[in-house]
Amino acid sequence: MKDFKPCVIDGSMKEGGGQILRTALSFSAILKLPILVNNIRAGRSSPGLKSQHLNGLWLMKDICKAKLEGDFDGSTQISFSPNEIGNGDYYADAKTAGSVSLLLQVSLPCLIFAKPNPPSNHSFNNNINHTTLTLKGGTNADMAPPIDFTSHILLPILKNFIPVFCNKINDKVAESDNIQSTFQDVRTPIQAPEMDQTSNHSFKIMDIKLELIKRGFFPKGGGEVRIYIDKMEIGSDKPLNPIILINRGSIHSIDGIVYLSEQLPIDMAKEMQSVAQTFMIKHFSHIPINIKIIHETPTTAYGPGSGIILIARSEYDCLISGSALGKRGVKARDVAMSACEKLLENLNHNGCVDEYTQDQLILFMAVAKGKSSIKTGPITLHTESVIYVIEKMLPDLKFDISSCEDGCNIISCEGLGIPL
């Protein structure tokens, strides 16, 4: 690791919470740039690091073999000096309902850049680098995106910008083409496709899969998620393609999932389904609407809990969501209406991403190659926080936010083009 002077980041800026720390850790690991984050959660009623933040810190320390100081409960300052991000098997357990999605938010951007550890000298037919990340905690918890958002919104969007490898015969295929991945099911051994130099082959250089093993609800957690990242060594010098989401087009379909643990009556789920279906048909009578119920079992969910996520797909494959979590004392119909109203609010902004996707794409835009642009609704404080951290760590990397006549905003930046 090079001897850089650490970049000092004020953890009390913008939203002043965990988002500042998560972004700083991710970008630090990718850039191999030491950081010192002070005033962590300084404006909160209980300042400093809590259990969920410490779990994220320790996970990141493991992923990039970092030197870490200040990692104790209540600490308001940490220093983090990363080394190379290595592929392998990683694990973190919140031991509470601490959000699995937030642990994934800090670690996923780094793990797509993981390098062979030790370097591989394999032949082409088996030179795939495997990384597995197992996370335990709350999969569907307050103050964080549900894991369903990650699996049905964020990952499908990111996969569209993974570069394509083409052999010499087929090198005219555009890297941005959305070509079906050749990777197999996550539980079977993955083999690289045979490359016949006389035939045409094109495939994504990376595949990311999420397996929801068990849902975990507030307050006990107990959920489990496993992420599989498989990356071809050949073609890994390519960066992410520019993230361009500026033309939504019309809404073509709406899908939904109502999930409910075994301890709760199925009538709750049916009511959520009926309310959401009726609301969506009223506003979108001309498109397919499909809302299904998943009644979890003791092996697929821990503790009582419920929720709903609605997903709109547009003409140009934009994915926009609205979700809500069941709570004690809140009627099932009110939970469903909350998700419906959130989806409608996101759609009425005319943007190409929802409020959760907006801030999570910013870091990927910064590391992609070329100019990335996304069309959004109102700029969230979380998005402002991510931009603050990135521009603080790399002053030459600037984000431009411009207003559109329809009330939307377009966020753009010229990315670094960091090889995967």
Protein backbone atom coordinates (compact mmCIF):
# COMPACT_ATOMS: atom_id res chain seq x y z
CA MET A 1 0.00 0.00 0.00
CA LYS A 2 1.32 3.40 -0.96
CA ASP A 3 1.96 5.91 1.80
CA PHE A 4 -0.78 8.46 1.16
CA LYS A 5 -1.81 11.19 3.56
CA PRO A 6 -5.33 10.27 4.69
CA CYS A 7 -8.25 12.23 3.32
CA VAL A 8 -10.16 13.84 6.19
CA ILE A 9 -13.95 13.62 5.92
CA ASP A 10 -16.38 15.39 8.22
CA GLY A 11 -18.98 12.81 9.21
CA SER A 12 -21.42 15.47 10.37
CA MET A 13 -21.91 16.95 6.90
CA LYS A 14 -25.12 16.60 4.83
CA GLU A 15 -27.23 13.75 6.27
CA GLY A 16 -24.59 13.35 8.97
CA GLY A 17 -25.13 9.63 9.52
CA GLY A 18 -24.11 6.22 8.29
CA GLN A 19 -24.28 7.14 4.59
CA ILE A 20 -21.19 9.36 4.90
CA LEU A 21 -19.24 6.54 6.54
CA ARG A 22 -20.38 3.83 4.12
CA THR A 23 -19.52 5.88 1.05
CA ALA A 24 -16.13 6.88 2.45
CA LEU A 25 -15.22 3.26 3.22
CA SER A 26 -16.29 1.96 -0.21
CA PHE A 27 -14.51 4.67 -2.19
CA SER A 28 -11.44 4.40 0.03
CA ALA A 29 -11.16 0.67 -0.70
CA ILE A 30 -11.63 1.11 -4.46
CA LEU A 31 -9.08 3.95 -4.68
CA LYS A 32 -6.74 2.43 -2.06
CA LEU A 33 -6.82 5.85 -0.43
CA PRO A 34 -6.54 6.10 3.39
CA ILE A 35 -9.25 8.10 5.12
CA LEU A 36 -9.93 9.66 8.49
CA VAL A 37 -13.60 10.21 9.23
CA ASN A 38 -14.35 12.44 12.22
CA ASN A 39 -17.52 13.84 13.82
CA ILE A 40 -19.29 10.56 13.05
CA ARG A 41 -23.04 11.00 13.64
CA ALA A 42 -22.20 14.10 15.65
CA GLY A 43 -25.67 15.57 15.31
CA ARG A 44 -27.52 12.44 16.44
CA SER A 45 -29.08 12.11 19.90
CA SER A 46 -26.59 9.30 20.53
CA PRO A 47 -23.46 10.24 18.53
CA GLY A 48 -20.76 7.91 17.30
CA LEU A 49 -20.60 4.36 15.99
CA LYS A 50 -23.29 1.82 16.78
CA SER A 51 -23.36 -1.93 16.28
CA GLN A 52 -24.53 -1.78 12.65
CA HIS A 53 -21.74 0.66 11.74
CA LEU A 54 -19.09 -1.45 13.45
CA ASN A 55 -20.20 -4.56 11.55
CA GLY A 56 -19.74 -2.65 8.29
CA LEU A 57 -16.29 -1.45 9.36
CA TRP A 58 -15.11 -4.94 10.30
CA LEU A 59 -16.46 -6.41 7.08
CA MET A 60 -14.58 -3.82 5.04
CA LYS A 61 -11.43 -4.39 7.07
CA ASP A 62 -11.64 -8.07 6.14
CA ILE A 63 -12.37 -7.44 2.45
CA CYS A 64 -9.36 -5.22 1.81
CA LYS A 65 -7.04 -6.26 4.68
CA ALA A 66 -7.18 -2.71 5.99
CA LYS A 67 -5.57 -1.12 8.99
CA LEU A 68 -8.45 0.17 11.12
CA GLU A 69 -8.42 2.35 14.22
CA GLY A 70 -11.25 3.81 16.29
CA ASP A 71 -13.61 0.86 15.81
CA PHE A 72 -15.42 0.79 19.15
CA ASP A 73 -18.93 1.59 20.33
CA GLY A 74 -19.57 5.32 20.53
CA SER A 75 -16.40 6.28 18.65
CA THR A 76 -16.73 9.51 16.68
CA GLN A 77 -13.53 9.08 14.64
CA ILE A 78 -12.03 6.25 12.63
CA SER A 79 -9.00 5.85 10.39
CA PHE A 80 -9.04 3.31 7.58
CA SER A 81 -6.05 2.37 5.41
CA PRO A 82 -6.98 -0.22 2.75
CA ASN A 83 -4.88 -2.71 0.83
CA GLU A 84 -5.83 -4.73 -2.25
CA ILE A 85 -9.43 -5.94 -2.46
CA GLY A 86 -9.18 -9.73 -2.63
CA ASN A 87 -11.77 -12.22 -3.82
CA GLY A 88 -12.84 -14.97 -1.43
CA ASP A 89 -15.57 -15.85 1.07
CA TYR A 90 -16.71 -13.08 3.41
CA TYR A 91 -19.16 -13.04 6.28
CA ALA A 92 -20.85 -10.51 8.56
CA ASP A 93 -23.53 -10.96 11.21
CA ALA A 94 -25.38 -7.96 12.63
CA LYS A 95 -26.69 -10.21 15.46
CA THR A 96 -29.72 -7.88 15.57
CA ALA A 97 -32.16 -6.48 13.01
CA GLY A 98 -29.34 -4.29 11.69
CA SER A 99 -29.91 -3.89 7.95
CA VAL A 100 -28.36 -6.45 5.63
CA SER A 101 -29.03 -4.02 2.76
CA LEU A 102 -26.79 -1.38 4.35
CA LEU A 103 -23.99 -3.91 4.86
CA LEU A 104 -24.35 -4.77 1.19
CA GLN A 105 -24.36 -1.10 0.27
CA VAL A 106 -20.88 -0.60 1.72
CA SER A 107 -19.37 -3.87 0.46
CA LEU A 108 -20.81 -4.58 -3.01
CA PRO A 109 -19.13 -1.64 -4.81
CA CYS A 110 -15.76 -2.93 -3.55
CA LEU A 111 -16.27 -6.61 -4.23
CA ILE A 112 -16.91 -6.13 -7.95
CA PHE A 113 -13.29 -4.91 -8.06
CA ALA A 114 -11.90 -7.92 -6.17
CA LYS A 115 -8.68 -9.37 -7.59
CA PRO A 116 -7.50 -12.99 -7.52
CA ASN A 117 -5.94 -13.79 -4.18
CA PRO A 118 -3.39 -15.22 -4.89
CA PRO A 119 -3.17 -14.33 -8.61
CA SER A 120 -4.43 -17.05 -10.91
CA ASN A 121 -2.41 -18.65 -13.70
CA HIS A 122 -5.25 -20.90 -14.86
CA SER A 123 -6.13 -21.63 -18.44
CA PHE A 124 -8.97 -19.78 -20.07
CA ASN A 125 -11.50 -22.54 -19.46
CA ASN A 126 -11.48 -22.21 -15.67
CA ASN A 127 -10.20 -18.70 -14.95
CA ILE A 128 -13.23 -17.36 -13.11
CA ASN A 129 -12.72 -15.55 -9.81
CA HIS A 130 -15.37 -16.44 -7.24
CA THR A 131 -16.42 -14.20 -4.37
CA THR A 132 -19.14 -15.09 -1.88
CA LEU A 133 -20.57 -12.72 0.72
CA THR A 134 -22.87 -14.05 3.46
CA LEU A 135 -24.75 -11.47 5.51
CA LYS A 136 -27.00 -12.02 8.53
CA GLY A 137 -29.36 -9.55 10.17
CA GLY A 138 -32.49 -7.68 9.18
CA THR A 139 -33.47 -8.18 5.54
CA ASN A 140 -36.62 -6.10 5.87
CA ALA A 141 -36.10 -3.39 8.45
CA ASP A 142 -36.93 0.26 9.10
CA MET A 143 -34.77 3.09 7.78
CA ALA A 144 -33.22 1.00 5.00
CA PRO A 145 -34.16 -0.43 1.59
CA PRO A 146 -35.71 -3.93 1.79
CA ILE A 147 -33.58 -6.73 0.41
CA ASP A 148 -36.24 -7.10 -2.30
CA PHE A 149 -35.14 -3.71 -3.63
CA THR A 150 -31.58 -4.94 -4.02
CA SER A 151 -32.56 -8.16 -5.78
CA HIS A 152 -35.31 -6.78 -8.03
CA ILE A 153 -34.15 -3.21 -8.70
CA LEU A 154 -30.50 -2.42 -7.99
CA LEU A 155 -28.80 -5.60 -9.24
CA PRO A 156 -30.77 -5.81 -12.52
CA ILE A 157 -29.89 -2.17 -13.23
CA LEU A 158 -26.20 -2.70 -12.49
CA LYS A 159 -26.03 -5.83 -14.64
CA ASN A 160 -27.01 -3.76 -17.68
CA PHE A 161 -23.75 -1.83 -17.38
CA ILE A 162 -21.36 -4.75 -16.90
CA PRO A 163 -19.07 -4.80 -19.96
CA VAL A 164 -19.17 -7.49 -22.60
CA PHE A 165 -16.13 -9.49 -23.71
CA CYS A 166 -15.93 -10.19 -27.45
CA ASN A 167 -13.45 -12.47 -29.19
CA LYS A 168 -11.43 -11.22 -32.15
CA ILE A 169 -13.93 -12.41 -34.71
CA ASN A 170 -16.81 -10.69 -32.98
CA ASP A 171 -15.13 -7.51 -31.79
CA LYS A 172 -17.69 -5.27 -33.48
CA VAL A 173 -20.39 -6.07 -30.92
CA ALA A 174 -21.03 -2.96 -28.82
CA GLU A 175 -19.91 -3.29 -25.22
CA SER A 176 -23.17 -1.79 -24.06
CA ASP A 177 -25.25 -4.57 -25.71
CA ASN A 178 -27.36 -6.38 -23.15
CA ILE A 179 -26.25 -9.93 -24.00
CA GLN A 180 -27.48 -12.84 -21.91
CA SER A 181 -24.92 -14.01 -19.34
CA THR A 182 -23.43 -17.46 -19.89
CA PHE A 183 -23.06 -18.13 -16.17
CA GLN A 184 -24.99 -21.00 -14.67
CA ASP A 185 -27.04 -21.32 -11.50
CA VAL A 186 -25.29 -20.02 -8.37
CA ARG A 187 -25.18 -23.44 -6.71
CA THR A 188 -23.44 -25.27 -9.57
CA PRO A 189 -19.75 -25.11 -10.50
CA ILE A 190 -19.22 -22.31 -12.97
CA GLN A 191 -17.12 -22.92 -16.05
CA ALA A 192 -16.06 -20.35 -18.59
CA PRO A 193 -17.54 -20.91 -22.04
CA GLU A 194 -15.33 -22.67 -24.56
CA MET A 195 -13.75 -20.04 -26.80
CA ASP A 196 -13.36 -21.26 -30.36
CA GLN A 197 -11.25 -18.66 -32.15
CA THR A 198 -13.13 -19.32 -35.39
CA SER A 199 -16.60 -18.63 -33.98
CA ASN A 200 -18.37 -15.63 -32.51
CA HIS A 201 -18.76 -15.38 -28.73
CA SER A 202 -19.85 -12.46 -26.56
CA PHE A 203 -20.62 -12.58 -22.86
CA LYS A 204 -20.71 -10.43 -19.76
CA ILE A 205 -17.40 -10.52 -17.89
CA MET A 206 -19.15 -10.64 -14.51
CA ASP A 207 -22.27 -12.11 -12.96
CA ILE A 208 -23.83 -11.09 -9.65
CA LYS A 209 -26.52 -13.15 -7.96
CA LEU A 210 -28.39 -12.68 -4.69
CA GLU A 211 -29.86 -15.60 -2.77
CA LEU A 212 -32.39 -14.75 -0.06
CA ILE A 213 -31.99 -17.65 2.34
CA LYS A 214 -34.15 -16.34 5.18
CA ARG A 215 -36.01 -13.11 5.87
CA GLY A 216 -35.30 -11.36 9.14
CA PHE A 217 -37.60 -8.74 10.64
CA PHE A 218 -37.36 -6.12 13.39
CA PRO A 219 -36.54 -6.46 16.26
CA LYS A 220 -34.80 -9.87 16.19
CA GLY A 221 -33.24 -9.94 12.74
CA GLY A 222 -32.09 -13.47 12.02
CA GLY A 223 -32.26 -13.11 8.25
CA GLU A 224 -29.61 -14.38 5.86
CA VAL A 225 -28.57 -13.34 2.37
CA ARG A 226 -25.78 -14.69 0.17
CA ILE A 227 -24.20 -12.78 -2.71
CA TYR A 228 -22.27 -14.58 -5.46
CA ILE A 229 -19.90 -12.60 -7.67
CA ASP A 230 -18.19 -14.48 -10.49
CA LYS A 231 -15.78 -12.61 -12.72
CA MET A 232 -13.82 -13.71 -15.78
CA GLU A 233 -10.14 -12.85 -15.58
CA ILE A 234 -10.15 -12.30 -19.33
CA GLY A 235 -11.76 -8.94 -19.99
CA SER A 236 -11.36 -7.82 -16.38
CA ASP A 237 -9.34 -4.83 -17.56
CA LYS A 238 -12.62 -3.32 -18.70
CA PRO A 239 -14.44 -0.79 -16.48
CA LEU A 240 -18.18 -0.53 -16.01
CA ASN A 241 -19.94 1.01 -18.99
CA PRO A 242 -21.29 4.53 -18.42
CA ILE A 243 -24.53 4.47 -16.46
CA ILE A 244 -27.09 6.22 -18.64
CA LEU A 245 -30.72 6.35 -17.51
CA ILE A 246 -32.32 9.45 -18.97
CA ASN A 247 -35.21 8.18 -21.08
CA ARG A 248 -37.91 6.30 -19.20
CA GLY A 249 -40.66 6.00 -21.78
CA SER A 250 -44.11 4.71 -20.82
CA ILE A 251 -44.78 2.26 -18.00
CA HIS A 252 -45.28 -1.22 -19.42
CA SER A 253 -46.02 -3.38 -16.37
CA ILE A 254 -46.27 -3.40 -12.59
CA ASP A 255 -45.30 -6.40 -10.48
CA GLY A 256 -45.44 -6.81 -6.76
CA ILE A 257 -44.56 -9.09 -3.88
CA VAL A 258 -46.46 -9.30 -0.60
CA TYR A 259 -44.44 -11.28 1.93
CA LEU A 260 -45.73 -12.55 5.26
CA SER A 261 -44.22 -14.78 7.95
CA GLU A 262 -45.94 -17.96 9.03
CA GLN A 263 -46.95 -16.50 12.40
CA LEU A 264 -49.28 -13.95 10.77
CA PRO A 265 -52.67 -14.74 9.18
CA ILE A 266 -52.70 -15.12 5.42
CA ASP A 267 -55.72 -12.78 5.30
CA MET A 268 -53.34 -9.89 6.00
CA ALA A 269 -51.39 -10.67 2.85
CA LYS A 270 -54.56 -11.10 0.82
CA GLU A 271 -55.80 -7.70 1.97
CA MET A 272 -52.51 -6.03 1.02
CA GLN A 273 -52.63 -7.74 -2.36
CA SER A 274 -56.24 -6.71 -2.99
CA VAL A 275 -55.72 -3.08 -1.95
CA ALA A 276 -52.56 -2.72 -4.05
CA GLN A 277 -54.13 -4.44 -7.06
CA THR A 278 -57.23 -2.19 -6.93
CA PHE A 279 -55.14 0.97 -6.56
CA MET A 280 -52.83 0.09 -9.43
CA ILE A 281 -55.66 -0.90 -11.78
CA LYS A 282 -57.33 2.45 -11.05
CA HIS A 283 -54.21 4.37 -12.11
CA PHE A 284 -52.80 1.97 -14.73
CA SER A 285 -55.76 0.10 -16.22
CA HIS A 286 -54.05 -0.40 -19.60
CA ILE A 287 -51.00 -2.44 -18.47
CA PRO A 288 -50.40 -5.87 -16.89
CA ILE A 289 -50.43 -5.83 -13.09
CA ASN A 290 -49.30 -8.91 -11.18
CA ILE A 291 -48.96 -8.91 -7.39
CA LYS A 292 -48.13 -12.25 -5.77
CA ILE A 293 -48.11 -13.45 -2.18
CA ILE A 294 -45.20 -15.25 -0.53
CA HIS A 295 -46.27 -16.91 2.73
CA GLU A 296 -42.96 -17.66 4.40
CA THR A 297 -42.22 -20.75 6.48
CA PRO A 298 -40.04 -21.12 9.60
CA THR A 299 -37.14 -22.08 7.32
CA THR A 300 -37.55 -19.00 5.09
CA ALA A 301 -38.29 -16.30 7.69
CA TYR A 302 -37.34 -15.63 11.30
CA GLY A 303 -39.86 -13.93 13.56
CA PRO A 304 -43.18 -12.29 12.69
CA GLY A 305 -43.20 -9.69 9.94
CA SER A 306 -44.70 -8.60 6.66
CA GLY A 307 -44.28 -6.10 3.86
CA ILE A 308 -44.88 -5.26 0.23
CA ILE A 309 -42.82 -4.04 -2.70
CA LEU A 310 -44.23 -2.81 -6.02
CA ILE A 311 -42.05 -2.58 -9.12
CA ALA A 312 -42.87 -0.64 -12.28
CA ARG A 313 -41.00 -1.50 -15.48
CA SER A 314 -40.87 1.05 -18.26
CA GLU A 315 -40.61 0.95 -22.04
CA TYR A 316 -36.83 1.36 -21.82
CA ASP A 317 -36.36 -1.07 -18.89
CA CYS A 318 -36.22 1.50 -16.11
CA LEU A 319 -37.18 -0.07 -12.77
CA ILE A 320 -38.94 2.03 -10.15
CA SER A 321 -40.26 0.82 -6.81
CA GLY A 322 -42.45 1.66 -3.87
CA SER A 323 -42.36 -0.39 -0.69
CA ALA A 324 -43.63 -0.51 2.86
CA LEU A 325 -43.02 -2.63 5.94
CA GLY A 326 -45.77 -4.01 8.18
CA LYS A 327 -45.75 -2.66 11.72
CA ARG A 328 -47.56 -3.55 14.91
CA GLY A 329 -50.78 -1.54 15.12
CA VAL A 330 -50.77 -0.55 11.41
CA LYS A 331 -53.57 -2.05 9.33
CA ALA A 332 -52.64 -4.22 6.37
CA ARG A 333 -54.53 -1.97 3.96
CA ASP A 334 -52.57 1.06 5.22
CA VAL A 335 -49.28 -0.75 4.63
CA ALA A 336 -50.36 -1.51 1.05
CA MET A 337 -51.54 2.06 0.46
CA SER A 338 -48.20 3.41 1.69
CA ALA A 339 -46.33 1.33 -0.90
CA CYS A 340 -48.80 2.33 -3.64
CA GLU A 341 -48.50 6.02 -2.86
CA LYS A 342 -44.71 5.82 -2.77
CA LEU A 343 -44.60 4.11 -6.17
CA LEU A 344 -47.02 6.68 -7.63
CA GLU A 345 -44.94 9.52 -6.16
CA ASN A 346 -41.78 8.11 -7.75
CA LEU A 347 -43.51 7.68 -11.11
CA ASN A 348 -45.03 11.16 -11.06
CA HIS A 349 -41.52 12.65 -10.85
CA ASN A 350 -40.97 11.33 -14.40
CA GLY A 351 -37.47 10.23 -13.46
CA CYS A 352 -35.78 6.97 -14.43
CA VAL A 353 -34.85 5.92 -10.87
CA ASP A 354 -36.56 5.96 -7.48
CA GLU A 355 -35.26 7.59 -4.30
CA TYR A 356 -33.41 4.45 -3.15
CA THR A 357 -31.70 3.84 -6.50
CA GLN A 358 -30.69 7.47 -6.89
CA ASP A 359 -28.01 7.61 -4.20
CA GLN A 360 -26.81 4.02 -4.72
CA LEU A 361 -25.89 4.64 -8.36
CA ILE A 362 -23.70 7.68 -7.65
CA LEU A 363 -20.59 5.73 -6.64
CA PHE A 364 -20.94 3.38 -9.63
CA MET A 365 -21.18 6.44 -11.91
CA ALA A 366 -17.92 7.72 -10.41
CA VAL A 367 -15.99 4.52 -11.21
CA ALA A 368 -17.55 3.79 -14.63
CA LYS A 369 -15.91 4.78 -17.90
CA GLY A 370 -17.13 7.89 -19.74
CA LYS A 371 -19.99 10.22 -18.98
CA SER A 372 -22.81 8.79 -16.86
CA SER A 373 -26.18 10.52 -16.54
CA ILE A 374 -29.32 9.61 -14.61
CA LYS A 375 -32.67 11.40 -14.61
CA THR A 376 -34.19 11.67 -11.15
CA GLY A 377 -36.90 13.30 -9.12
CA PRO A 378 -35.92 15.59 -6.21
CA ILE A 379 -32.30 15.18 -5.12
CA THR A 380 -32.26 13.34 -1.80
CA LEU A 381 -30.05 14.22 1.15
CA HIS A 382 -28.47 10.79 0.87
CA THR A 383 -27.50 11.55 -2.73
CA GLU A 384 -26.01 14.88 -1.68
CA SER A 385 -24.03 13.02 1.00
CA VAL A 386 -22.55 10.51 -1.46
CA ILE A 387 -21.56 13.30 -3.86
CA TYR A 388 -20.00 15.27 -0.98
CA VAL A 389 -17.78 12.35 0.02
CA ILE A 390 -16.68 11.48 -3.53
CA GLU A 391 -15.82 15.09 -4.43
CA LYS A 392 -14.02 15.49 -1.11
CA MET A 393 -11.86 12.43 -1.77
CA LEU A 394 -11.24 13.30 -5.45
CA PRO A 395 -11.63 17.07 -5.96
CA ASP A 396 -11.14 16.74 -9.75
CA LEU A 397 -14.17 14.47 -10.05
CA LYS A 398 -17.24 16.69 -10.24
CA PHE A 399 -20.94 15.93 -10.45
CA ASP A 400 -23.23 18.23 -12.40
CA ILE A 401 -26.91 18.55 -11.46
CA SER A 402 -29.16 20.27 -13.98
CA SER A 403 -32.90 20.92 -13.83
CA CYS A 404 -35.29 19.79 -16.56
CA GLU A 405 -38.44 21.54 -17.77
CA ASP A 406 -40.57 18.67 -16.45
CA GLY A 407 -39.25 19.24 -12.91
CA CYS A 408 -36.74 16.38 -12.98
CA ASN A 409 -33.02 16.61 -12.40
CA ILE A 410 -30.19 15.08 -14.39
CA ILE A 411 -27.10 14.04 -12.42
CA SER A 412 -23.97 13.62 -14.56
CA CYS A 413 -20.29 12.97 -14.11
CA GLU A 414 -17.26 11.90 -16.09
CA GLY A 415 -16.23 8.63 -14.48
CA LEU A 416 -12.77 7.37 -13.60
CA GLY A 417 -12.95 4.23 -15.76
CA ILE A 418 -11.43 1.97 -13.11
CA PRO A 419 -10.84 -1.56 -14.51
CA LEU A 420 -12.90 -4.31 -12.94
